[in-house]
Amino acid sequence: MTSTRTAKQSTGRRGEEAAVRYLLKRGYKVLARNFRSPFGELDIIAQDKDTLVFVEVRTGGSRRIHDPEETIGPQKQKRIARTAQFYIQAHHLEDQWAARFDVVAVEQGEKGLEVRHITDAFEFEEV
């Protein structure tokens, strides 16, 4: 079981690194990674011009049933939103930024890692 967990963590880290490189190439500024709160964790917090972007990274292997981005259900969205709200309040950003939730899906393709970026993947709601 430990080797499976380690392999999954390694895959997740590779996916997150690919997502960061992708965002940086597109002009995003990465503000934080793996931000933890009592409600959960945010993979990447970035700035896209005047918008604060909370990015959930999903990494899929070659053997899968669903696209990685399809694995973010309502409960996970709620945890992400609560953690984002915690971040905003902790950094006193309530009135300074627009905010959105993006998903970056990373998969192993024929020519290496393939990245799909879904902007505004789900709604930001006060929780």
N, C-alpha and C. Protein backbone atom coordinates (compact mmCIF):
# COMPACT_ATOMS: atom_id res chain seq x y z
N MET A 1 0.82 -1.19 0.00
CA MET A 1 0.00 0.00 0.00
C MET A 1 0.86 1.26 0.00
N THR A 2 1.98 1.21 0.70
CA THR A 2 2.86 2.36 0.75
C THR A 2 3.41 2.70 -0.62
N SER A 3 3.79 1.68 -1.40
CA SER A 3 4.34 1.96 -2.73
C SER A 3 3.29 2.57 -3.65
N THR A 4 2.02 2.17 -3.50
CA THR A 4 0.95 2.75 -4.30
C THR A 4 0.77 4.22 -3.94
N ARG A 5 0.76 4.51 -2.64
CA ARG A 5 0.61 5.89 -2.19
C ARG A 5 1.79 6.74 -2.68
N THR A 6 2.99 6.21 -2.57
CA THR A 6 4.18 6.94 -3.01
C THR A 6 4.12 7.19 -4.51
N ALA A 7 3.72 6.20 -5.28
CA ALA A 7 3.60 6.36 -6.73
C ALA A 7 2.56 7.42 -7.07
N LYS A 8 1.43 7.41 -6.35
CA LYS A 8 0.38 8.40 -6.57
C LYS A 8 0.87 9.80 -6.23
N GLN A 9 1.60 9.92 -5.11
CA GLN A 9 2.13 11.22 -4.72
C GLN A 9 3.13 11.73 -5.74
N SER A 10 3.97 10.83 -6.25
CA SER A 10 4.96 11.20 -7.25
C SER A 10 4.28 11.68 -8.53
N THR A 11 3.24 10.96 -8.94
CA THR A 11 2.47 11.36 -10.12
C THR A 11 1.83 12.72 -9.90
N GLY A 12 1.27 12.92 -8.71
CA GLY A 12 0.65 14.20 -8.38
C GLY A 12 1.64 15.34 -8.39
N ARG A 13 2.82 15.10 -7.85
CA ARG A 13 3.85 16.15 -7.84
C ARG A 13 4.28 16.50 -9.26
N ARG A 14 4.46 15.48 -10.11
CA ARG A 14 4.83 15.74 -11.52
C ARG A 14 3.75 16.56 -12.21
N GLY A 15 2.50 16.21 -11.95
CA GLY A 15 1.40 16.96 -12.53
C GLY A 15 1.36 18.39 -12.05
N GLU A 16 1.60 18.59 -10.77
CA GLU A 16 1.60 19.94 -10.22
C GLU A 16 2.75 20.77 -10.79
N GLU A 17 3.91 20.16 -10.93
CA GLU A 17 5.05 20.87 -11.53
C GLU A 17 4.73 21.28 -12.97
N ALA A 18 4.12 20.38 -13.71
CA ALA A 18 3.73 20.68 -15.10
C ALA A 18 2.71 21.82 -15.13
N ALA A 19 1.78 21.81 -14.18
CA ALA A 19 0.77 22.86 -14.12
C ALA A 19 1.40 24.22 -13.82
N VAL A 20 2.35 24.24 -12.89
CA VAL A 20 3.04 25.50 -12.55
C VAL A 20 3.79 26.03 -13.77
N ARG A 21 4.53 25.16 -14.45
CA ARG A 21 5.27 25.60 -15.65
C ARG A 21 4.30 26.17 -16.69
N TYR A 22 3.19 25.48 -16.90
CA TYR A 22 2.18 25.90 -17.86
C TYR A 22 1.66 27.30 -17.50
N LEU A 23 1.29 27.51 -16.23
CA LEU A 23 0.75 28.79 -15.81
C LEU A 23 1.78 29.91 -15.93
N LEU A 24 3.01 29.63 -15.52
CA LEU A 24 4.06 30.65 -15.61
C LEU A 24 4.30 31.08 -17.05
N LYS A 25 4.30 30.11 -17.98
CA LYS A 25 4.49 30.44 -19.40
C LYS A 25 3.38 31.34 -19.93
N ARG A 26 2.22 31.29 -19.32
CA ARG A 26 1.08 32.09 -19.76
C ARG A 26 0.94 33.39 -18.98
N GLY A 27 1.96 33.72 -18.22
CA GLY A 27 1.97 35.02 -17.54
C GLY A 27 1.36 35.06 -16.16
N TYR A 28 0.96 33.93 -15.63
CA TYR A 28 0.43 33.91 -14.27
C TYR A 28 1.58 34.08 -13.28
N LYS A 29 1.28 34.65 -12.15
CA LYS A 29 2.24 34.74 -11.05
C LYS A 29 1.78 33.75 -9.98
N VAL A 30 2.62 32.81 -9.62
CA VAL A 30 2.26 31.83 -8.60
C VAL A 30 2.51 32.45 -7.23
N LEU A 31 1.46 32.55 -6.42
CA LEU A 31 1.54 33.16 -5.11
C LEU A 31 1.78 32.14 -4.01
N ALA A 32 1.21 30.95 -4.16
CA ALA A 32 1.36 29.91 -3.14
C ALA A 32 1.10 28.54 -3.75
N ARG A 33 1.69 27.54 -3.12
CA ARG A 33 1.44 26.15 -3.53
C ARG A 33 1.15 25.33 -2.29
N ASN A 34 0.23 24.39 -2.43
CA ASN A 34 -0.13 23.48 -1.35
C ASN A 34 -0.51 24.23 -0.07
N PHE A 35 -1.35 25.24 -0.23
CA PHE A 35 -1.83 26.02 0.92
C PHE A 35 -2.84 25.20 1.70
N ARG A 36 -2.59 25.04 2.99
CA ARG A 36 -3.47 24.24 3.84
C ARG A 36 -4.26 25.14 4.79
N SER A 37 -5.49 24.73 5.02
CA SER A 37 -6.35 25.38 6.00
C SER A 37 -7.08 24.28 6.77
N PRO A 38 -7.86 24.65 7.78
CA PRO A 38 -8.65 23.63 8.48
C PRO A 38 -9.67 22.94 7.56
N PHE A 39 -9.95 23.53 6.40
CA PHE A 39 -10.98 23.01 5.51
C PHE A 39 -10.43 22.13 4.39
N GLY A 40 -9.14 22.28 4.09
CA GLY A 40 -8.57 21.50 3.00
C GLY A 40 -7.30 22.14 2.47
N GLU A 41 -6.95 21.77 1.26
CA GLU A 41 -5.72 22.25 0.64
C GLU A 41 -6.01 22.80 -0.74
N LEU A 42 -5.29 23.87 -1.10
CA LEU A 42 -5.34 24.43 -2.45
C LEU A 42 -4.02 24.09 -3.12
N ASP A 43 -4.07 23.50 -4.30
CA ASP A 43 -2.85 23.11 -4.99
C ASP A 43 -2.00 24.31 -5.38
N ILE A 44 -2.63 25.27 -6.06
CA ILE A 44 -1.91 26.45 -6.54
C ILE A 44 -2.81 27.67 -6.36
N ILE A 45 -2.22 28.74 -5.87
CA ILE A 45 -2.90 30.03 -5.83
C ILE A 45 -2.06 30.94 -6.72
N ALA A 46 -2.72 31.53 -7.71
CA ALA A 46 -1.98 32.33 -8.69
C ALA A 46 -2.71 33.64 -8.94
N GLN A 47 -2.00 34.54 -9.58
CA GLN A 47 -2.56 35.81 -10.01
C GLN A 47 -2.56 35.85 -11.52
N ASP A 48 -3.71 36.12 -12.08
CA ASP A 48 -3.85 36.31 -13.52
C ASP A 48 -4.37 37.74 -13.73
N LYS A 49 -3.45 38.64 -14.00
CA LYS A 49 -3.75 40.08 -14.09
C LYS A 49 -4.36 40.54 -12.77
N ASP A 50 -5.64 40.92 -12.77
CA ASP A 50 -6.26 41.41 -11.53
C ASP A 50 -7.17 40.37 -10.88
N THR A 51 -6.93 39.10 -11.17
CA THR A 51 -7.78 38.04 -10.64
C THR A 51 -6.95 37.05 -9.83
N LEU A 52 -7.47 36.71 -8.67
CA LEU A 52 -6.89 35.68 -7.83
C LEU A 52 -7.45 34.34 -8.31
N VAL A 53 -6.57 33.41 -8.65
CA VAL A 53 -7.00 32.15 -9.25
C VAL A 53 -6.62 31.01 -8.33
N PHE A 54 -7.61 30.23 -7.93
CA PHE A 54 -7.39 29.04 -7.12
C PHE A 54 -7.42 27.85 -8.08
N VAL A 55 -6.30 27.17 -8.19
CA VAL A 55 -6.14 26.14 -9.20
C VAL A 55 -6.10 24.76 -8.55
N GLU A 56 -7.00 23.91 -8.96
CA GLU A 56 -6.99 22.51 -8.56
C GLU A 56 -6.31 21.74 -9.68
N VAL A 57 -5.28 20.99 -9.34
CA VAL A 57 -4.55 20.21 -10.33
C VAL A 57 -5.02 18.76 -10.22
N ARG A 58 -5.36 18.19 -11.36
CA ARG A 58 -5.75 16.79 -11.43
C ARG A 58 -4.84 16.09 -12.41
N THR A 59 -4.19 15.05 -11.93
CA THR A 59 -3.27 14.30 -12.77
C THR A 59 -3.84 12.92 -13.00
N GLY A 60 -3.92 12.53 -14.26
CA GLY A 60 -4.47 11.23 -14.60
C GLY A 60 -3.41 10.37 -15.26
N GLY A 61 -3.52 9.09 -15.05
CA GLY A 61 -2.62 8.16 -15.70
C GLY A 61 -3.19 7.73 -17.04
N SER A 62 -2.55 6.77 -17.63
CA SER A 62 -3.00 6.31 -18.94
C SER A 62 -4.22 5.41 -18.83
N ARG A 63 -4.42 4.78 -17.67
CA ARG A 63 -5.57 3.89 -17.47
C ARG A 63 -6.58 4.60 -16.58
N ARG A 64 -7.64 5.12 -17.18
CA ARG A 64 -8.62 5.87 -16.40
C ARG A 64 -10.01 5.70 -17.01
N ILE A 65 -11.00 5.97 -16.18
CA ILE A 65 -12.39 5.90 -16.63
C ILE A 65 -12.89 7.30 -16.98
N HIS A 66 -12.51 8.29 -16.15
CA HIS A 66 -12.96 9.67 -16.34
C HIS A 66 -11.77 10.58 -16.64
N ASP A 67 -12.05 11.71 -17.28
CA ASP A 67 -11.03 12.74 -17.40
C ASP A 67 -10.73 13.25 -16.00
N PRO A 68 -9.49 13.64 -15.73
CA PRO A 68 -9.14 14.07 -14.37
C PRO A 68 -10.03 15.18 -13.83
N GLU A 69 -10.40 16.14 -14.66
CA GLU A 69 -11.21 17.26 -14.18
C GLU A 69 -12.62 16.84 -13.79
N GLU A 70 -13.07 15.68 -14.27
CA GLU A 70 -14.40 15.20 -13.93
C GLU A 70 -14.47 14.61 -12.52
N THR A 71 -13.33 14.50 -11.87
CA THR A 71 -13.30 13.90 -10.53
C THR A 71 -13.46 14.92 -9.41
N ILE A 72 -13.80 16.16 -9.75
CA ILE A 72 -13.99 17.19 -8.73
C ILE A 72 -15.49 17.38 -8.52
N GLY A 73 -16.02 16.64 -7.57
CA GLY A 73 -17.45 16.68 -7.29
C GLY A 73 -17.84 17.85 -6.41
N PRO A 74 -19.12 17.94 -6.09
CA PRO A 74 -19.64 19.06 -5.28
C PRO A 74 -18.97 19.19 -3.91
N GLN A 75 -18.69 18.08 -3.25
CA GLN A 75 -18.05 18.14 -1.93
C GLN A 75 -16.64 18.71 -2.04
N LYS A 76 -15.89 18.27 -3.03
CA LYS A 76 -14.53 18.77 -3.24
C LYS A 76 -14.57 20.25 -3.61
N GLN A 77 -15.52 20.64 -4.45
CA GLN A 77 -15.66 22.05 -4.81
C GLN A 77 -15.94 22.90 -3.57
N LYS A 78 -16.77 22.39 -2.68
CA LYS A 78 -17.10 23.12 -1.45
C LYS A 78 -15.86 23.27 -0.57
N ARG A 79 -15.06 22.21 -0.44
CA ARG A 79 -13.82 22.29 0.36
C ARG A 79 -12.85 23.29 -0.26
N ILE A 80 -12.73 23.27 -1.57
CA ILE A 80 -11.85 24.22 -2.25
C ILE A 80 -12.34 25.65 -2.00
N ALA A 81 -13.64 25.88 -2.13
CA ALA A 81 -14.21 27.22 -1.92
C ALA A 81 -13.99 27.69 -0.49
N ARG A 82 -14.18 26.80 0.48
CA ARG A 82 -13.97 27.17 1.89
C ARG A 82 -12.50 27.52 2.14
N THR A 83 -11.61 26.73 1.56
CA THR A 83 -10.18 26.99 1.74
C THR A 83 -9.80 28.29 1.06
N ALA A 84 -10.36 28.57 -0.10
CA ALA A 84 -10.10 29.83 -0.80
C ALA A 84 -10.60 31.01 0.03
N GLN A 85 -11.78 30.88 0.60
CA GLN A 85 -12.32 31.95 1.45
C GLN A 85 -11.41 32.18 2.67
N PHE A 86 -10.91 31.10 3.24
CA PHE A 86 -9.98 31.19 4.36
C PHE A 86 -8.72 31.96 3.94
N TYR A 87 -8.18 31.62 2.78
CA TYR A 87 -6.98 32.29 2.26
C TYR A 87 -7.25 33.79 2.07
N ILE A 88 -8.36 34.11 1.45
CA ILE A 88 -8.71 35.51 1.19
C ILE A 88 -8.82 36.29 2.50
N GLN A 89 -9.48 35.72 3.48
CA GLN A 89 -9.64 36.41 4.76
C GLN A 89 -8.32 36.50 5.51
N ALA A 90 -7.52 35.44 5.50
CA ALA A 90 -6.25 35.43 6.21
C ALA A 90 -5.27 36.46 5.64
N HIS A 91 -5.41 36.74 4.34
CA HIS A 91 -4.51 37.70 3.69
C HIS A 91 -5.18 39.06 3.45
N HIS A 92 -6.37 39.26 4.03
CA HIS A 92 -7.09 40.53 3.96
C HIS A 92 -7.27 41.00 2.51
N LEU A 93 -7.75 40.10 1.67
CA LEU A 93 -7.93 40.40 0.25
C LEU A 93 -9.40 40.53 -0.15
N GLU A 94 -10.28 40.63 0.82
CA GLU A 94 -11.72 40.58 0.56
C GLU A 94 -12.17 41.55 -0.55
N ASP A 95 -11.66 42.76 -0.53
CA ASP A 95 -12.13 43.76 -1.49
C ASP A 95 -11.11 44.10 -2.56
N GLN A 96 -10.03 43.35 -2.62
CA GLN A 96 -8.94 43.72 -3.52
C GLN A 96 -8.90 42.93 -4.83
N TRP A 97 -9.52 41.78 -4.87
CA TRP A 97 -9.35 40.90 -6.02
C TRP A 97 -10.67 40.29 -6.47
N ALA A 98 -10.79 40.11 -7.76
CA ALA A 98 -11.80 39.20 -8.28
C ALA A 98 -11.20 37.81 -8.07
N ALA A 99 -12.03 36.79 -8.01
CA ALA A 99 -11.52 35.43 -7.79
C ALA A 99 -12.23 34.44 -8.70
N ARG A 100 -11.50 33.38 -9.03
CA ARG A 100 -12.11 32.31 -9.82
C ARG A 100 -11.42 30.99 -9.50
N PHE A 101 -12.08 29.90 -9.91
CA PHE A 101 -11.54 28.56 -9.72
C PHE A 101 -11.23 27.96 -11.08
N ASP A 102 -10.00 27.55 -11.25
CA ASP A 102 -9.57 26.88 -12.48
C ASP A 102 -9.18 25.45 -12.16
N VAL A 103 -9.20 24.63 -13.17
CA VAL A 103 -8.69 23.26 -13.06
C VAL A 103 -7.63 23.08 -14.13
N VAL A 104 -6.52 22.52 -13.74
CA VAL A 104 -5.49 22.14 -14.71
C VAL A 104 -5.41 20.62 -14.66
N ALA A 105 -5.74 19.99 -15.77
CA ALA A 105 -5.69 18.54 -15.89
C ALA A 105 -4.42 18.15 -16.63
N VAL A 106 -3.68 17.24 -16.05
CA VAL A 106 -2.41 16.80 -16.63
C VAL A 106 -2.50 15.30 -16.85
N GLU A 107 -2.19 14.87 -18.06
CA GLU A 107 -2.23 13.45 -18.39
C GLU A 107 -1.00 13.05 -19.17
N GLN A 108 -0.65 11.81 -19.04
CA GLN A 108 0.45 11.26 -19.82
C GLN A 108 -0.06 10.99 -21.23
N GLY A 109 0.52 11.66 -22.20
CA GLY A 109 0.13 11.46 -23.60
C GLY A 109 1.23 10.75 -24.36
N GLU A 110 1.03 10.60 -25.64
CA GLU A 110 2.02 9.91 -26.48
C GLU A 110 3.34 10.65 -26.54
N LYS A 111 3.30 11.99 -26.43
CA LYS A 111 4.52 12.78 -26.54
C LYS A 111 4.92 13.40 -25.20
N GLY A 112 4.51 12.81 -24.10
CA GLY A 112 4.83 13.36 -22.78
C GLY A 112 3.58 13.86 -22.09
N LEU A 113 3.77 14.73 -21.12
CA LEU A 113 2.63 15.25 -20.36
C LEU A 113 1.83 16.23 -21.20
N GLU A 114 0.52 16.06 -21.17
CA GLU A 114 -0.40 16.96 -21.86
C GLU A 114 -1.19 17.73 -20.80
N VAL A 115 -1.33 19.03 -20.99
CA VAL A 115 -1.98 19.89 -20.02
C VAL A 115 -3.23 20.51 -20.65
N ARG A 116 -4.34 20.44 -19.90
CA ARG A 116 -5.59 21.13 -20.28
C ARG A 116 -5.94 22.09 -19.16
N HIS A 117 -6.22 23.32 -19.52
CA HIS A 117 -6.55 24.35 -18.53
C HIS A 117 -8.00 24.74 -18.70
N ILE A 118 -8.79 24.54 -17.66
CA ILE A 118 -10.19 24.91 -17.69
C ILE A 118 -10.35 26.13 -16.78
N THR A 119 -10.59 27.29 -17.37
CA THR A 119 -10.80 28.50 -16.57
C THR A 119 -12.25 28.56 -16.11
N ASP A 120 -12.46 29.16 -14.96
CA ASP A 120 -13.81 29.25 -14.39
C ASP A 120 -14.49 27.88 -14.37
N ALA A 121 -13.78 26.90 -13.85
CA ALA A 121 -14.27 25.52 -13.86
C ALA A 121 -15.53 25.35 -13.01
N PHE A 122 -15.65 26.13 -11.95
CA PHE A 122 -16.87 26.14 -11.15
C PHE A 122 -17.00 27.50 -10.47
N GLU A 123 -18.18 27.76 -9.94
CA GLU A 123 -18.51 29.09 -9.41
C GLU A 123 -17.90 29.34 -8.04
N PHE A 124 -17.54 30.59 -7.83
CA PHE A 124 -17.07 31.04 -6.52
C PHE A 124 -18.30 31.47 -5.72
N GLU A 125 -18.53 30.81 -4.61
CA GLU A 125 -19.66 31.18 -3.76
C GLU A 125 -19.16 31.43 -2.37
N GLU A 126 -19.72 32.42 -1.71
CA GLU A 126 -19.39 32.67 -0.31
C GLU A 126 -19.88 31.47 0.49
N VAL A 127 -19.05 30.98 1.38
CA VAL A 127 -19.43 29.82 2.20
C VAL A 127 -19.32 30.15 3.67
